Amino acid sequence: MSKEDFRKLSLHKKINKLYTEGTFVVGIRYYAYKINLYLLGREYVEVFYNHKHDRIDKIDFLNPSHSRMKFYLDQISLEDF
């Protein structure tokens, strides 16, 4: 599945795809979120869970130039980044 096709999926279908076909890598805390990082095929995907509202607010591909990368790289080595 291409990135564009994944982005077009509903939130529920993205969650299902990640939990059935993805591999959990690591979780970090970032401001009001717990962000779970998954490997889906050859792409890393972030799941933004909002504790205060008990919901997933966003699911999107990891942006390797974002400042959050330092939190991931402190814990793991991400291949191809």
C-alpha atoms as a PDB file:
ATOM      1  CA  MET A   1       0.000   0.000   0.000  1.00  0.00           C
ATOM      2  CA  SER A   2       1.343   3.432  -0.909  1.00  0.00           C
ATOM      3  CA  LYS A   3       1.634   6.306   1.551  1.00  0.00           C
ATOM      4  CA  GLU A   4      -1.155   8.135  -0.281  1.00  0.00           C
ATOM      5  CA  ASP A   5      -3.480   5.131  -0.049  1.00  0.00           C
ATOM      6  CA  PHE A   6      -2.740   4.785   3.666  1.00  0.00           C
ATOM      7  CA  ARG A   7      -3.402   8.475   4.274  1.00  0.00           C
ATOM      8  CA  LYS A   8      -6.807   8.159   2.585  1.00  0.00           C
ATOM      9  CA  LEU A   9      -7.945   5.411   4.989  1.00  0.00           C
ATOM     10  CA  SER A  10     -10.297   6.250   7.836  1.00  0.00           C
ATOM     11  CA  LEU A  11      -8.776   6.455  11.310  1.00  0.00           C
ATOM     12  CA  HIS A  12     -10.361   3.116  12.217  1.00  0.00           C
ATOM     13  CA  LYS A  13      -8.881   1.401   9.139  1.00  0.00           C
ATOM     14  CA  LYS A  14      -5.438   2.904   9.810  1.00  0.00           C
ATOM     15  CA  ILE A  15      -5.558   1.545  13.366  1.00  0.00           C
ATOM     16  CA  ASN A  16      -6.620  -1.872  12.132  1.00  0.00           C
ATOM     17  CA  LYS A  17      -3.856  -1.982   9.513  1.00  0.00           C
ATOM     18  CA  LEU A  18      -1.190  -0.987  12.028  1.00  0.00           C
ATOM     19  CA  TYR A  19      -2.297  -3.509  14.632  1.00  0.00           C
ATOM     20  CA  THR A  20      -2.641  -6.375  12.163  1.00  0.00           C
ATOM     21  CA  GLU A  21       0.276  -5.691   9.799  1.00  0.00           C
ATOM     22  CA  GLY A  22       2.564  -3.316  11.693  1.00  0.00           C
ATOM     23  CA  THR A  23       5.196  -3.916  14.328  1.00  0.00           C
ATOM     24  CA  PHE A  24       5.320  -1.793  17.475  1.00  0.00           C
ATOM     25  CA  VAL A  25       8.770  -0.190  17.833  1.00  0.00           C
ATOM     26  CA  VAL A  26       8.685   2.204  20.785  1.00  0.00           C
ATOM     27  CA  GLY A  27       6.485   4.669  22.654  1.00  0.00           C
ATOM     28  CA  ILE A  28       7.482   8.179  23.732  1.00  0.00           C
ATOM     29  CA  ARG A  29       5.826  11.028  25.604  1.00  0.00           C
ATOM     30  CA  TYR A  30       5.589  14.281  23.701  1.00  0.00           C
ATOM     31  CA  TYR A  31       3.668  17.184  25.229  1.00  0.00           C
ATOM     32  CA  ALA A  32       0.061  15.999  25.737  1.00  0.00           C
ATOM     33  CA  TYR A  33       0.599  12.833  23.706  1.00  0.00           C
ATOM     34  CA  LYS A  34       1.873   9.346  24.066  1.00  0.00           C
ATOM     35  CA  ILE A  35       3.209   8.595  20.600  1.00  0.00           C
ATOM     36  CA  ASN A  36       3.557   4.976  19.574  1.00  0.00           C
ATOM     37  CA  LEU A  37       5.896   4.303  16.683  1.00  0.00           C
ATOM     38  CA  TYR A  38       5.150   1.384  14.357  1.00  0.00           C
ATOM     39  CA  LEU A  39       6.987  -0.101  11.421  1.00  0.00           C
ATOM     40  CA  LEU A  40       4.563  -0.805   8.560  1.00  0.00           C
ATOM     41  CA  GLY A  41       6.374  -2.422   5.667  1.00  0.00           C
ATOM     42  CA  ARG A  42       9.398  -0.160   5.255  1.00  0.00           C
ATOM     43  CA  GLU A  43       7.767   2.967   6.674  1.00  0.00           C
ATOM     44  CA  TYR A  44       7.581   4.264  10.243  1.00  0.00           C
ATOM     45  CA  VAL A  45       4.159   5.474  11.384  1.00  0.00           C
ATOM     46  CA  GLU A  46       3.334   7.538  14.472  1.00  0.00           C
ATOM     47  CA  VAL A  47       0.111   7.133  16.452  1.00  0.00           C
ATOM     48  CA  PHE A  48      -0.712  10.179  18.599  1.00  0.00           C
ATOM     49  CA  TYR A  49      -2.725   9.171  21.664  1.00  0.00           C
ATOM     50  CA  ASN A  50      -4.230  12.009  23.723  1.00  0.00           C
ATOM     51  CA  HIS A  51      -4.501  10.882  27.355  1.00  0.00           C
ATOM     52  CA  LYS A  52      -6.612  13.831  28.433  1.00  0.00           C
ATOM     53  CA  HIS A  53      -9.355  13.040  25.910  1.00  0.00           C
ATOM     54  CA  ASP A  54      -8.720   9.259  25.764  1.00  0.00           C
ATOM     55  CA  ARG A  55      -8.514   9.164  21.985  1.00  0.00           C
ATOM     56  CA  ILE A  56      -6.183   8.834  19.042  1.00  0.00           C
ATOM     57  CA  ASP A  57      -5.890  12.277  17.476  1.00  0.00           C
ATOM     58  CA  LYS A  58      -3.638  11.520  14.536  1.00  0.00           C
ATOM     59  CA  ILE A  59      -1.853   8.761  12.654  1.00  0.00           C
ATOM     60  CA  ASP A  60       0.799   9.751  10.143  1.00  0.00           C
ATOM     61  CA  PHE A  61       4.173   8.804   8.733  1.00  0.00           C
ATOM     62  CA  LEU A  62       7.268   9.741  10.703  1.00  0.00           C
ATOM     63  CA  ASN A  63       8.922  12.955   9.573  1.00  0.00           C
ATOM     64  CA  PRO A  64      12.685  12.334   9.972  1.00  0.00           C
ATOM     65  CA  SER A  65      13.426  16.084  10.148  1.00  0.00           C
ATOM     66  CA  HIS A  66      11.067  16.733  13.088  1.00  0.00           C
ATOM     67  CA  SER A  67      12.541  17.533  16.504  1.00  0.00           C
ATOM     68  CA  ARG A  68      10.787  14.418  17.935  1.00  0.00           C
ATOM     69  CA  MET A  69      13.462  12.293  16.255  1.00  0.00           C
ATOM     70  CA  LYS A  70      15.826  12.946  19.161  1.00  0.00           C
ATOM     71  CA  PHE A  71      13.386  11.200  21.519  1.00  0.00           C
ATOM     72  CA  TYR A  72      13.300   8.120  19.318  1.00  0.00           C
ATOM     73  CA  LEU A  73      17.033   8.075  18.670  1.00  0.00           C
ATOM     74  CA  ASP A  74      17.746   8.222  22.409  1.00  0.00           C
ATOM     75  CA  GLN A  75      16.039   4.845  22.749  1.00  0.00           C
ATOM     76  CA  ILE A  76      16.488   2.991  19.458  1.00  0.00           C
ATOM     77  CA  SER A  77      18.302   2.981  16.139  1.00  0.00           C
ATOM     78  CA  LEU A  78      15.970   3.640  13.224  1.00  0.00           C
ATOM     79  CA  GLU A  79      17.112   2.000  10.018  1.00  0.00           C
ATOM     80  CA  ASP A  80      17.228   4.162   6.878  1.00  0.00           C
ATOM     81  CA  PHE A  81      17.032   7.436   8.872  1.00  0.00           C
END
